[in-house]
Amino acid sequence: HRRRYFQGRTFRGSGGLDDIVWLKSSGEVMSQEDWDNG
């Protein structure tokens, strides 16, 4: 229940990871092709 929207980027103290990451079943980051997969 964050006060602000996710930005999809890193912040100071975030451990070098984005605030949100979308993953496909392989554990890899989703690509635009994955998003467009109906």
Full PDB file with SEQRES, HELIX, SHEET, SSBOND, CRYST1, ORIGX, SCALE, CONECT and MASTER records, all heavy atoms in Angstrom:
SEQRES   1 A   38  HIS ARG ARG ARG TYR PHE GLN GLY ARG THR PHE ARG GLY          
SEQRES   2 A   38  SER GLY GLY LEU ASP ASP ILE VAL TRP LEU LYS SER SER          
SEQRES   3 A   38  GLY GLU VAL MET SER GLN GLU ASP TRP ASP ASN GLY              
HELIX    1 AA1 GLN A   32  TRP A   35  1                                   4    
CRYST1    1.000    1.000    1.000  90.00  90.00  90.00 P 1           1          
ORIGX1      1.000000  0.000000  0.000000        0.00000                         
ORIGX2      0.000000  1.000000  0.000000        0.00000                         
ORIGX3      0.000000  0.000000  1.000000        0.00000                         
SCALE1      1.000000  0.000000  0.000000        0.00000                         
SCALE2      0.000000  1.000000  0.000000        0.00000                         
SCALE3      0.000000  0.000000  1.000000        0.00000                         
ATOM      1  N   HIS A   1       0.847  -1.204   0.000  1.00  0.00           N  
ATOM      2  CA  HIS A   1       0.000   0.000   0.000  1.00  0.00           C  
ATOM      3  C   HIS A   1       0.879   1.250   0.000  1.00  0.00           C  
ATOM      4  O   HIS A   1       0.828   2.090   0.901  1.00  0.00           O  
ATOM      5  CB  HIS A   1      -0.983   0.001   1.177  1.00  0.00           C  
ATOM      6  CG  HIS A   1      -0.372  -0.253   2.522  1.00  0.00           C  
ATOM      7  ND1 HIS A   1       0.060   0.757   3.355  1.00  0.00           N  
ATOM      8  CD2 HIS A   1      -0.122  -1.405   3.180  1.00  0.00           C  
ATOM      9  CE1 HIS A   1       0.544   0.240   4.462  1.00  0.00           C  
ATOM     10  NE2 HIS A   1       0.452  -1.073   4.383  1.00  0.00           N  
ATOM     11  N   ARG A   2       1.677   1.372  -1.023  1.00  0.00           N  
ATOM     12  CA  ARG A   2       2.575   2.513  -1.173  1.00  0.00           C  
ATOM     13  C   ARG A   2       1.782   3.800  -1.382  1.00  0.00           C  
ATOM     14  O   ARG A   2       0.681   3.793  -1.937  1.00  0.00           O  
ATOM     15  CB  ARG A   2       3.506   2.287  -2.366  1.00  0.00           C  
ATOM     16  CG  ARG A   2       4.546   1.200  -2.160  1.00  0.00           C  
ATOM     17  CD  ARG A   2       5.191   0.805  -3.482  1.00  0.00           C  
ATOM     18  NE  ARG A   2       5.526   1.933  -4.321  1.00  0.00           N  
ATOM     19  CZ  ARG A   2       6.767   2.286  -4.661  1.00  0.00           C  
ATOM     20  NH1 ARG A   2       7.798   1.594  -4.226  1.00  0.00           N  
ATOM     21  NH2 ARG A   2       6.979   3.314  -5.445  1.00  0.00           N  
ATOM     22  N   ARG A   3       2.391   4.912  -0.993  1.00  0.00           N  
ATOM     23  CA  ARG A   3       1.758   6.208  -1.192  1.00  0.00           C  
ATOM     24  C   ARG A   3       1.935   6.717  -2.614  1.00  0.00           C  
ATOM     25  O   ARG A   3       1.145   7.545  -3.084  1.00  0.00           O  
ATOM     26  CB  ARG A   3       2.346   7.222  -0.205  1.00  0.00           C  
ATOM     27  CG  ARG A   3       1.983   6.948   1.252  1.00  0.00           C  
ATOM     28  CD  ARG A   3       2.766   7.863   2.179  1.00  0.00           C  
ATOM     29  NE  ARG A   3       2.605   9.271   1.830  1.00  0.00           N  
ATOM     30  CZ  ARG A   3       3.398  10.233   2.280  1.00  0.00           C  
ATOM     31  NH1 ARG A   3       4.426   9.928   3.069  1.00  0.00           N  
ATOM     32  NH2 ARG A   3       3.187  11.486   1.936  1.00  0.00           N  
ATOM     33  N   ARG A   4       2.987   6.263  -3.279  1.00  0.00           N  
ATOM     34  CA  ARG A   4       3.279   6.718  -4.643  1.00  0.00           C  
ATOM     35  C   ARG A   4       3.299   5.531  -5.596  1.00  0.00           C  
ATOM     36  O   ARG A   4       3.512   4.391  -5.192  1.00  0.00           O  
ATOM     37  CB  ARG A   4       4.646   7.430  -4.692  1.00  0.00           C  
ATOM     38  CG  ARG A   4       4.793   8.567  -3.712  1.00  0.00           C  
ATOM     39  CD  ARG A   4       3.960   9.769  -4.078  1.00  0.00           C  
ATOM     40  NE  ARG A   4       4.093  10.839  -3.093  1.00  0.00           N  
ATOM     41  CZ  ARG A   4       3.420  11.986  -3.140  1.00  0.00           C  
ATOM     42  NH1 ARG A   4       2.571  12.192  -4.134  1.00  0.00           N  
ATOM     43  NH2 ARG A   4       3.585  12.906  -2.214  1.00  0.00           N  
ATOM     44  N   TYR A   5       3.124   5.825  -6.859  1.00  0.00           N  
ATOM     45  CA  TYR A   5       3.154   4.773  -7.862  1.00  0.00           C  
ATOM     46  C   TYR A   5       4.554   4.185  -8.019  1.00  0.00           C  
ATOM     47  O   TYR A   5       5.560   4.865  -7.806  1.00  0.00           O  
ATOM     48  CB  TYR A   5       2.702   5.324  -9.227  1.00  0.00           C  
ATOM     49  CG  TYR A   5       1.235   5.644  -9.289  1.00  0.00           C  
ATOM     50  CD1 TYR A   5       0.801   6.972  -9.329  1.00  0.00           C  
ATOM     51  CD2 TYR A   5       0.282   4.637  -9.307  1.00  0.00           C  
ATOM     52  CE1 TYR A   5      -0.548   7.281  -9.387  1.00  0.00           C  
ATOM     53  CE2 TYR A   5      -1.071   4.938  -9.365  1.00  0.00           C  
ATOM     54  CZ  TYR A   5      -1.486   6.254  -9.403  1.00  0.00           C  
ATOM     55  OH  TYR A   5      -2.810   6.558  -9.449  1.00  0.00           O  
ATOM     56  N   PHE A   6       4.600   2.926  -8.398  1.00  0.00           N  
ATOM     57  CA  PHE A   6       5.864   2.324  -8.791  1.00  0.00           C  
ATOM     58  C   PHE A   6       6.423   3.065 -10.002  1.00  0.00           C  
ATOM     59  O   PHE A   6       5.678   3.527 -10.875  1.00  0.00           O  
ATOM     60  CB  PHE A   6       5.666   0.852  -9.157  1.00  0.00           C  
ATOM     61  CG  PHE A   6       5.375  -0.041  -7.984  1.00  0.00           C  
ATOM     62  CD1 PHE A   6       4.090  -0.485  -7.733  1.00  0.00           C  
ATOM     63  CD2 PHE A   6       6.393  -0.435  -7.133  1.00  0.00           C  
ATOM     64  CE1 PHE A   6       3.822  -1.317  -6.661  1.00  0.00           C  
ATOM     65  CE2 PHE A   6       6.144  -1.264  -6.048  1.00  0.00           C  
ATOM     66  CZ  PHE A   6       4.848  -1.705  -5.817  1.00  0.00           C  
ATOM     67  N   GLN A   7       7.751   3.153 -10.063  1.00  0.00           N  
ATOM     68  CA  GLN A   7       8.409   3.850 -11.160  1.00  0.00           C  
ATOM     69  C   GLN A   7       9.139   2.907 -12.114  1.00  0.00           C  
ATOM     70  O   GLN A   7       9.560   3.316 -13.188  1.00  0.00           O  
ATOM     71  CB  GLN A   7       9.406   4.867 -10.596  1.00  0.00           C  
ATOM     72  CG  GLN A   7       8.776   5.932  -9.718  1.00  0.00           C  
ATOM     73  CD  GLN A   7       7.822   6.816 -10.487  1.00  0.00           C  
ATOM     74  OE1 GLN A   7       8.126   7.267 -11.587  1.00  0.00           O  
ATOM     75  NE2 GLN A   7       6.638   7.046  -9.920  1.00  0.00           N  
ATOM     76  N   GLY A   8       9.342   1.665 -11.694  1.00  0.00           N  
ATOM     77  CA  GLY A   8      10.097   0.740 -12.534  1.00  0.00           C  
ATOM     78  C   GLY A   8      11.560   1.128 -12.643  1.00  0.00           C  
ATOM     79  O   GLY A   8      12.197   0.928 -13.673  1.00  0.00           O  
ATOM     80  N   ARG A   9      12.121   1.672 -11.553  1.00  0.00           N  
ATOM     81  CA  ARG A   9      13.526   2.075 -11.555  1.00  0.00           C  
ATOM     82  C   ARG A   9      14.100   1.920 -10.150  1.00  0.00           C  
ATOM     83  O   ARG A   9      13.373   1.631  -9.192  1.00  0.00           O  
ATOM     84  CB  ARG A   9      13.672   3.518 -12.027  1.00  0.00           C  
ATOM     85  CG  ARG A   9      12.987   4.554 -11.144  1.00  0.00           C  
ATOM     86  CD  ARG A   9      13.121   5.954 -11.740  1.00  0.00           C  
ATOM     87  NE  ARG A   9      12.464   6.972 -10.940  1.00  0.00           N  
ATOM     88  CZ  ARG A   9      13.017   7.610  -9.915  1.00  0.00           C  
ATOM     89  NH1 ARG A   9      14.264   7.327  -9.554  1.00  0.00           N  
ATOM     90  NH2 ARG A   9      12.367   8.544  -9.259  1.00  0.00           N  
ATOM     91  N   THR A  10      15.396   2.110 -10.033  1.00  0.00           N  
ATOM     92  CA  THR A  10      16.066   1.979  -8.746  1.00  0.00           C  
ATOM     93  C   THR A  10      15.980   3.283  -7.950  1.00  0.00           C  
ATOM     94  O   THR A  10      15.797   4.361  -8.518  1.00  0.00           O  
ATOM     95  CB  THR A  10      17.543   1.606  -8.935  1.00  0.00           C  
ATOM     96  OG1 THR A  10      18.193   2.654  -9.677  1.00  0.00           O  
ATOM     97  CG2 THR A  10      17.689   0.289  -9.666  1.00  0.00           C  
ATOM     98  N   PHE A  11      16.120   3.147  -6.649  1.00  0.00           N  
ATOM     99  CA  PHE A  11      16.187   4.290  -5.746  1.00  0.00           C  
ATOM    100  C   PHE A  11      17.376   4.081  -4.808  1.00  0.00           C  
ATOM    101  O   PHE A  11      17.867   2.963  -4.667  1.00  0.00           O  
ATOM    102  CB  PHE A  11      14.898   4.413  -4.916  1.00  0.00           C  
ATOM    103  CG  PHE A  11      13.682   4.771  -5.713  1.00  0.00           C  
ATOM    104  CD1 PHE A  11      12.922   3.784  -6.333  1.00  0.00           C  
ATOM    105  CD2 PHE A  11      13.295   6.090  -5.857  1.00  0.00           C  
ATOM    106  CE1 PHE A  11      11.801   4.106  -7.073  1.00  0.00           C  
ATOM    107  CE2 PHE A  11      12.173   6.435  -6.594  1.00  0.00           C  
ATOM    108  CZ  PHE A  11      11.425   5.436  -7.198  1.00  0.00           C  
ATOM    109  N   ARG A  12      17.820   5.145  -4.177  1.00  0.00           N  
ATOM    110  CA  ARG A  12      18.899   5.022  -3.214  1.00  0.00           C  
ATOM    111  C   ARG A  12      18.477   4.072  -2.094  1.00  0.00           C  
ATOM    112  O   ARG A  12      17.410   4.214  -1.509  1.00  0.00           O  
ATOM    113  CB  ARG A  12      19.248   6.389  -2.623  1.00  0.00           C  
ATOM    114  CG  ARG A  12      20.479   6.351  -1.701  1.00  0.00           C  
ATOM    115  CD  ARG A  12      20.902   7.747  -1.313  1.00  0.00           C  
ATOM    116  NE  ARG A  12      19.869   8.440  -0.556  1.00  0.00           N  
ATOM    117  CZ  ARG A  12      19.983   9.681  -0.107  1.00  0.00           C  
ATOM    118  NH1 ARG A  12      21.081  10.375  -0.368  1.00  0.00           N  
ATOM    119  NH2 ARG A  12      18.994  10.243   0.565  1.00  0.00           N  
ATOM    120  N   GLY A  13      19.311   3.089  -1.843  1.00  0.00           N  
ATOM    121  CA  GLY A  13      18.996   2.099  -0.821  1.00  0.00           C  
ATOM    122  C   GLY A  13      18.172   0.933  -1.300  1.00  0.00           C  
ATOM    123  O   GLY A  13      17.799   0.067  -0.506  1.00  0.00           O  
ATOM    124  N   SER A  14      17.886   0.880  -2.617  1.00  0.00           N  
ATOM    125  CA  SER A  14      17.030  -0.187  -3.136  1.00  0.00           C  
ATOM    126  C   SER A  14      17.799  -1.447  -3.500  1.00  0.00           C  
ATOM    127  O   SER A  14      17.233  -2.378  -4.065  1.00  0.00           O  
ATOM    128  CB  SER A  14      16.261   0.312  -4.367  1.00  0.00           C  
ATOM    129  OG  SER A  14      17.152   0.579  -5.445  1.00  0.00           O  
ATOM    130  N   GLY A  15      19.103  -1.471  -3.196  1.00  0.00           N  
ATOM    131  CA  GLY A  15      19.900  -2.654  -3.479  1.00  0.00           C  
ATOM    132  C   GLY A  15      20.205  -2.847  -4.948  1.00  0.00           C  
ATOM    133  O   GLY A  15      20.528  -3.962  -5.381  1.00  0.00           O  
ATOM    134  N   GLY A  16      20.096  -1.772  -5.715  1.00  0.00           N  
ATOM    135  CA  GLY A  16      20.387  -1.864  -7.145  1.00  0.00           C  
ATOM    136  C   GLY A  16      19.289  -2.493  -7.966  1.00  0.00           C  
ATOM    137  O   GLY A  16      19.456  -2.725  -9.171  1.00  0.00           O  
ATOM    138  N   LEU A  17      18.133  -2.751  -7.334  1.00  0.00           N  
ATOM    139  CA  LEU A  17      17.011  -3.367  -8.030  1.00  0.00           C  
ATOM    140  C   LEU A  17      15.886  -2.359  -8.203  1.00  0.00           C  
ATOM    141  O   LEU A  17      15.681  -1.475  -7.373  1.00  0.00           O  
ATOM    142  CB  LEU A  17      16.495  -4.573  -7.240  1.00  0.00           C  
ATOM    143  CG  LEU A  17      17.478  -5.728  -7.018  1.00  0.00           C  
ATOM    144  CD1 LEU A  17      16.894  -6.717  -6.028  1.00  0.00           C  
ATOM    145  CD2 LEU A  17      17.809  -6.408  -8.344  1.00  0.00           C  
ATOM    146  N   ASP A  18      15.148  -2.503  -9.292  1.00  0.00           N  
ATOM    147  CA  ASP A  18      13.988  -1.642  -9.508  1.00  0.00           C  
ATOM    148  C   ASP A  18      12.947  -1.863  -8.412  1.00  0.00           C  
ATOM    149  O   ASP A  18      12.926  -2.907  -7.755  1.00  0.00           O  
ATOM    150  CB  ASP A  18      13.355  -1.935 -10.867  1.00  0.00           C  
ATOM    151  CG  ASP A  18      14.237  -1.485 -12.024  1.00  0.00           C  
ATOM    152  OD1 ASP A  18      15.219  -0.765 -11.778  1.00  0.00           O  
ATOM    153  OD2 ASP A  18      13.939  -1.863 -13.179  1.00  0.00           O  
ATOM    154  N   ASP A  19      12.066  -0.871  -8.253  1.00  0.00           N  
ATOM    155  CA  ASP A  19      11.035  -1.008  -7.220  1.00  0.00           C  
ATOM    156  C   ASP A  19      10.016  -2.082  -7.568  1.00  0.00           C  
ATOM    157  O   ASP A  19       9.406  -2.692  -6.685  1.00  0.00           O  
ATOM    158  CB  ASP A  19      10.354   0.331  -6.941  1.00  0.00           C  
ATOM    159  CG  ASP A  19       9.773   0.983  -8.186  1.00  0.00           C  
ATOM    160  OD1 ASP A  19       9.960   0.451  -9.298  1.00  0.00           O  
ATOM    161  OD2 ASP A  19       9.129   2.043  -8.049  1.00  0.00           O  
ATOM    162  N   ILE A  20       9.824  -2.346  -8.862  1.00  0.00           N  
ATOM    163  CA  ILE A  20       8.948  -3.423  -9.300  1.00  0.00           C  
ATOM    164  C   ILE A  20       9.546  -4.049 -10.551  1.00  0.00           C  
ATOM    165  O   ILE A  20      10.106  -3.338 -11.404  1.00  0.00           O  
ATOM    166  CB  ILE A  20       7.509  -2.921  -9.573  1.00  0.00           C  
ATOM    167  CG1 ILE A  20       6.560  -4.092  -9.881  1.00  0.00           C  
ATOM    168  CG2 ILE A  20       7.476  -1.891 -10.679  1.00  0.00           C  
ATOM    169  CD1 ILE A  20       5.093  -3.693  -9.901  1.00  0.00           C  
ATOM    170  N   VAL A  21       9.469  -5.368 -10.648  1.00  0.00           N  
ATOM    171  CA  VAL A  21       9.981  -6.090 -11.811  1.00  0.00           C  
ATOM    172  C   VAL A  21       8.931  -7.121 -12.208  1.00  0.00           C  
ATOM    173  O   VAL A  21       8.457  -7.900 -11.363  1.00  0.00           O  
ATOM    174  CB  VAL A  21      11.324  -6.794 -11.518  1.00  0.00           C  
ATOM    175  CG1 VAL A  21      11.816  -7.534 -12.765  1.00  0.00           C  
ATOM    176  CG2 VAL A  21      12.370  -5.785 -11.047  1.00  0.00           C  
ATOM    177  N   TRP A  22       8.593  -7.123 -13.489  1.00  0.00           N  
ATOM    178  CA  TRP A  22       7.609  -8.070 -14.009  1.00  0.00           C  
ATOM    179  C   TRP A  22       8.349  -9.266 -14.591  1.00  0.00           C  
ATOM    180  O   TRP A  22       9.249  -9.105 -15.408  1.00  0.00           O  
ATOM    181  CB  TRP A  22       6.739  -7.406 -15.070  1.00  0.00           C  
ATOM    182  CG  TRP A  22       6.033  -6.188 -14.559  1.00  0.00           C  
ATOM    183  CD1 TRP A  22       6.433  -4.897 -14.692  1.00  0.00           C  
ATOM    184  CD2 TRP A  22       4.826  -6.156 -13.807  1.00  0.00           C  
ATOM    185  NE1 TRP A  22       5.544  -4.048 -14.070  1.00  0.00           N  
ATOM    186  CE2 TRP A  22       4.543  -4.801 -13.520  1.00  0.00           C  
ATOM    187  CE3 TRP A  22       3.944  -7.136 -13.346  1.00  0.00           C  
ATOM    188  CZ2 TRP A  22       3.416  -4.406 -12.799  1.00  0.00           C  
ATOM    189  CZ3 TRP A  22       2.830  -6.744 -12.624  1.00  0.00           C  
ATOM    190  CH2 TRP A  22       2.570  -5.387 -12.369  1.00  0.00           C  
ATOM    191  N   LEU A  23       7.937 -10.449 -14.182  1.00  0.00           N  
ATOM    192  CA  LEU A  23       8.666 -11.663 -14.523  1.00  0.00           C  
ATOM    193  C   LEU A  23       7.773 -12.631 -15.306  1.00  0.00           C  
ATOM    194  O   LEU A  23       6.597 -12.789 -14.994  1.00  0.00           O  
ATOM    195  CB  LEU A  23       9.153 -12.368 -13.246  1.00  0.00           C  
ATOM    196  CG  LEU A  23      10.028 -11.538 -12.302  1.00  0.00           C  
ATOM    197  CD1 LEU A  23      10.149 -12.244 -10.956  1.00  0.00           C  
ATOM    198  CD2 LEU A  23      11.402 -11.309 -12.924  1.00  0.00           C  
ATOM    199  N   LYS A  24       8.364 -13.294 -16.284  1.00  0.00           N  
ATOM    200  CA  LYS A  24       7.655 -14.397 -16.928  1.00  0.00           C  
ATOM    201  C   LYS A  24       7.994 -15.687 -16.197  1.00  0.00           C  
ATOM    202  O   LYS A  24       8.841 -15.698 -15.281  1.00  0.00           O  
ATOM    203  CB  LYS A  24       7.993 -14.472 -18.416  1.00  0.00           C  
ATOM    204  CG  LYS A  24       9.447 -14.430 -18.792  1.00  0.00           C  
ATOM    205  CD  LYS A  24       9.569 -14.314 -20.314  1.00  0.00           C  
ATOM    206  CE  LYS A  24      11.006 -14.197 -20.764  1.00  0.00           C  
ATOM    207  NZ  LYS A  24      11.118 -14.068 -22.237  1.00  0.00           N  
ATOM    208  N   SER A  25       7.375 -16.776 -16.572  1.00  0.00           N  
ATOM    209  CA  SER A  25       7.510 -18.014 -15.802  1.00  0.00           C  
ATOM    210  C   SER A  25       8.946 -18.531 -15.772  1.00  0.00           C  
ATOM    211  O   SER A  25       9.336 -19.251 -14.851  1.00  0.00           O  
ATOM    212  CB  SER A  25       6.579 -19.085 -16.357  1.00  0.00           C  
ATOM    213  OG  SER A  25       6.864 -19.352 -17.723  1.00  0.00           O  
ATOM    214  N   SER A  26       9.772 -18.145 -16.746  1.00  0.00           N  
ATOM    215  CA  SER A  26      11.170 -18.569 -16.779  1.00  0.00           C  
ATOM    216  C   SER A  26      12.032 -17.843 -15.763  1.00  0.00           C  
ATOM    217  O   SER A  26      13.207 -18.178 -15.587  1.00  0.00           O  
ATOM    218  CB  SER A  26      11.743 -18.337 -18.185  1.00  0.00           C  
ATOM    219  OG  SER A  26      11.757 -16.951 -18.488  1.00  0.00           O  
ATOM    220  N   GLY A  27      11.478 -16.818 -15.101  1.00  0.00           N  
ATOM    221  CA  GLY A  27      12.234 -16.007 -14.158  1.00  0.00           C  
ATOM    222  C   GLY A  27      12.893 -14.809 -14.801  1.00  0.00           C  
ATOM    223  O   GLY A  27      13.489 -13.977 -14.112  1.00  0.00           O  
ATOM    224  N   GLU A  28      12.783 -14.691 -16.115  1.00  0.00           N  
ATOM    225  CA  GLU A  28      13.367 -13.554 -16.844  1.00  0.00           C  
ATOM    226  C   GLU A  28      12.401 -12.376 -16.833  1.00  0.00           C  
ATOM    227  O   GLU A  28      11.185 -12.541 -16.648  1.00  0.00           O  
ATOM    228  CB  GLU A  28      13.678 -13.974 -18.278  1.00  0.00           C  
ATOM    229  CG  GLU A  28      14.662 -15.122 -18.397  1.00  0.00           C  
ATOM    230  CD  GLU A  28      14.760 -15.643 -19.814  1.00  0.00           C  
ATOM    231  OE1 GLU A  28      13.748 -16.139 -20.340  1.00  0.00           O  
ATOM    232  OE2 GLU A  28      15.847 -15.545 -20.398  1.00  0.00           O  
ATOM    233  N   VAL A  29      12.949 -11.188 -17.044  1.00  0.00           N  
ATOM    234  CA  VAL A  29      12.124  -9.980 -17.088  1.00  0.00           C  
ATOM    235  C   VAL A  29      11.257 -10.003 -18.341  1.00  0.00           C  
ATOM    236  O   VAL A  29      11.711 -10.388 -19.425  1.00  0.00           O  
ATOM    237  CB  VAL A  29      13.020  -8.724 -17.069  1.00  0.00           C  
ATOM    238  CG1 VAL A  29      12.178  -7.464 -17.195  1.00  0.00           C  
ATOM    239  CG2 VAL A  29      13.852  -8.691 -15.787  1.00  0.00           C  
ATOM    240  N   MET A  30      10.024  -9.621 -18.197  1.00  0.00           N  
ATOM    241  CA  MET A  30       9.098  -9.617 -19.328  1.00  0.00           C  
ATOM    242  C   MET A  30       9.504  -8.582 -20.362  1.00  0.00           C  
ATOM    243  O   MET A  30       9.909  -7.467 -20.022  1.00  0.00           O  
ATOM    244  CB  MET A  30       7.668  -9.357 -18.847  1.00  0.00           C  
ATOM    245  CG  MET A  30       7.065 -10.496 -18.057  1.00  0.00           C  
ATOM    246  SD  MET A  30       5.353 -10.186 -17.550  1.00  0.00           S  
ATOM    247  CE  MET A  30       4.504 -10.161 -19.139  1.00  0.00           C  
ATOM    248  N   SER A  31       9.361  -8.940 -21.611  1.00  0.00           N  
ATOM    249  CA  SER A  31       9.634  -8.044 -22.727  1.00  0.00           C  
ATOM    250  C   SER A  31       8.313  -7.494 -23.257  1.00  0.00           C  
ATOM    251  O   SER A  31       7.228  -7.936 -22.865  1.00  0.00           O  
ATOM    252  CB  SER A  31      10.354  -8.811 -23.843  1.00  0.00           C  
ATOM    253  OG  SER A  31       9.488  -9.805 -24.391  1.00  0.00           O  
ATOM    254  N   GLN A  32       8.409  -6.554 -24.178  1.00  0.00           N  
ATOM    255  CA  GLN A  32       7.194  -6.009 -24.787  1.00  0.00           C  
ATOM    256  C   GLN A  32       6.428  -7.100 -25.516  1.00  0.00           C  
ATOM    257  O   GLN A  32       5.187  -7.125 -25.519  1.00  0.00           O  
ATOM    258  CB  GLN A  32       7.556  -4.877 -25.754  1.00  0.00           C  
ATOM    259  CG  GLN A  32       6.339  -4.140 -26.301  1.00  0.00           C  
ATOM    260  CD  GLN A  32       5.508  -3.508 -25.198  1.00  0.00           C  
ATOM    261  OE1 GLN A  32       6.022  -2.803 -24.336  1.00  0.00           O  
ATOM    262  NE2 GLN A  32       4.196  -3.768 -25.204  1.00  0.00           N  
ATOM    263  N   GLU A  33       7.143  -8.011 -26.117  1.00  0.00           N  
ATOM    264  CA  GLU A  33       6.488  -9.130 -26.806  1.00  0.00           C  
ATOM    265  C   GLU A  33       5.671  -9.972 -25.827  1.00  0.00           C  
ATOM    266  O   GLU A  33       4.568 -10.427 -26.150  1.00  0.00           O  
ATOM    267  CB  GLU A  33       7.535 -10.001 -27.505  1.00  0.00           C  
ATOM    268  CG  GLU A  33       6.943 -11.166 -28.291  1.00  0.00           C  
ATOM    269  CD  GLU A  33       8.011 -11.998 -28.980  1.00  0.00           C  
ATOM    270  OE1 GLU A  33       9.215 -11.661 -28.857  1.00  0.00           O  
ATOM    271  OE2 GLU A  33       7.638 -12.988 -29.637  1.00  0.00           O  
ATOM    272  N   ASP A  34       6.208 -10.158 -24.627  1.00  0.00           N  
ATOM    273  CA  ASP A  34       5.481 -10.906 -23.606  1.00  0.00           C  
ATOM    274  C   ASP A  34       4.203 -10.178 -23.199  1.00  0.00           C  
ATOM    275  O   ASP A  34       3.146 -10.799 -23.016  1.00  0.00           O  
ATOM    276  CB  ASP A  34       6.357 -11.128 -22.367  1.00  0.00           C  
ATOM    277  CG  ASP A  34       7.578 -11.986 -22.663  1.00  0.00           C  
ATOM    278  OD1 ASP A  34       7.438 -12.975 -23.391  1.00  0.00           O  
ATOM    279  OD2 ASP A  34       8.676 -11.639 -22.174  1.00  0.00           O  
ATOM    280  N   TRP A  35       4.290  -8.852 -23.058  1.00  0.00           N  
ATOM    281  CA  TRP A  35       3.101  -8.081 -22.693  1.00  0.00           C  
ATOM    282  C   TRP A  35       2.030  -8.158 -23.775  1.00  0.00           C  
ATOM    283  O   TRP A  35       0.832  -8.146 -23.486  1.00  0.00           O  
ATOM    284  CB  TRP A  35       3.471  -6.618 -22.448  1.00  0.00           C  
ATOM    285  CG  TRP A  35       4.170  -6.359 -21.157  1.00  0.00           C  
ATOM    286  CD1 TRP A  35       5.433  -5.873 -20.976  1.00  0.00           C  
ATOM    287  CD2 TRP A  35       3.644  -6.555 -19.838  1.00  0.00           C  
ATOM    288  NE1 TRP A  35       5.729  -5.759 -19.641  1.00  0.00           N  
ATOM    289  CE2 TRP A  35       4.647  -6.169 -18.918  1.00  0.00           C  
ATOM    290  CE3 TRP A  35       2.424  -7.021 -19.347  1.00  0.00           C  
ATOM    291  CZ2 TRP A  35       4.461  -6.227 -17.530  1.00  0.00           C  
ATOM    292  CZ3 TRP A  35       2.245  -7.096 -17.969  1.00  0.00           C  
ATOM    293  CH2 TRP A  35       3.254  -6.697 -17.076  1.00  0.00           C  
ATOM    294  N   ASP A  36       2.463  -8.217 -25.019  1.00  0.00           N  
ATOM    295  CA  ASP A  36       1.508  -8.224 -26.138  1.00  0.00           C  
ATOM    296  C   ASP A  36       0.970  -9.610 -26.453  1.00  0.00           C  
ATOM    297  O   ASP A  36       0.159  -9.766 -27.360  1.00  0.00           O  
ATOM    298  CB  ASP A  36       2.185  -7.646 -27.388  1.00  0.00           C  
ATOM    299  CG  ASP A  36       2.549  -6.177 -27.227  1.00  0.00           C  
ATOM    300  OD1 ASP A  36       1.922  -5.504 -26.385  1.00  0.00           O  
ATOM    301  OD2 ASP A  36       3.471  -5.708 -27.932  1.00  0.00           O  
ATOM    302  N   ASN A  37       1.423 -10.601 -25.688  1.00  0.00           N  
ATOM    303  CA  ASN A  37       1.020 -11.987 -25.932  1.00  0.00           C  
ATOM    304  C   ASN A  37      -0.405 -12.202 -25.417  1.00  0.00           C  
ATOM    305  O   ASN A  37      -0.641 -12.323 -24.221  1.00  0.00           O  
ATOM    306  CB  ASN A  37       2.000 -12.934 -25.226  1.00  0.00           C  
ATOM    307  CG  ASN A  37       1.711 -14.382 -25.504  1.00  0.00           C  
ATOM    308  OD1 ASN A  37       0.710 -14.728 -26.113  1.00  0.00           O  
ATOM    309  ND2 ASN A  37       2.591 -15.241 -25.047  1.00  0.00           N  
ATOM    310  N   GLY A  38      -1.373 -12.251 -26.325  1.00  0.00           N  
ATOM    311  CA  GLY A  38      -2.777 -12.329 -25.929  1.00  0.00           C  
ATOM    312  C   GLY A  38      -3.169 -13.617 -25.247  1.00  0.00           C  
ATOM    313  O   GLY A  38      -4.130 -13.645 -24.469  1.00  0.00           O  
TER     314      GLY A  38                                                      
MASTER        0    0    0    1    0    0    0    6  313    1    0    3          
END                                                                             
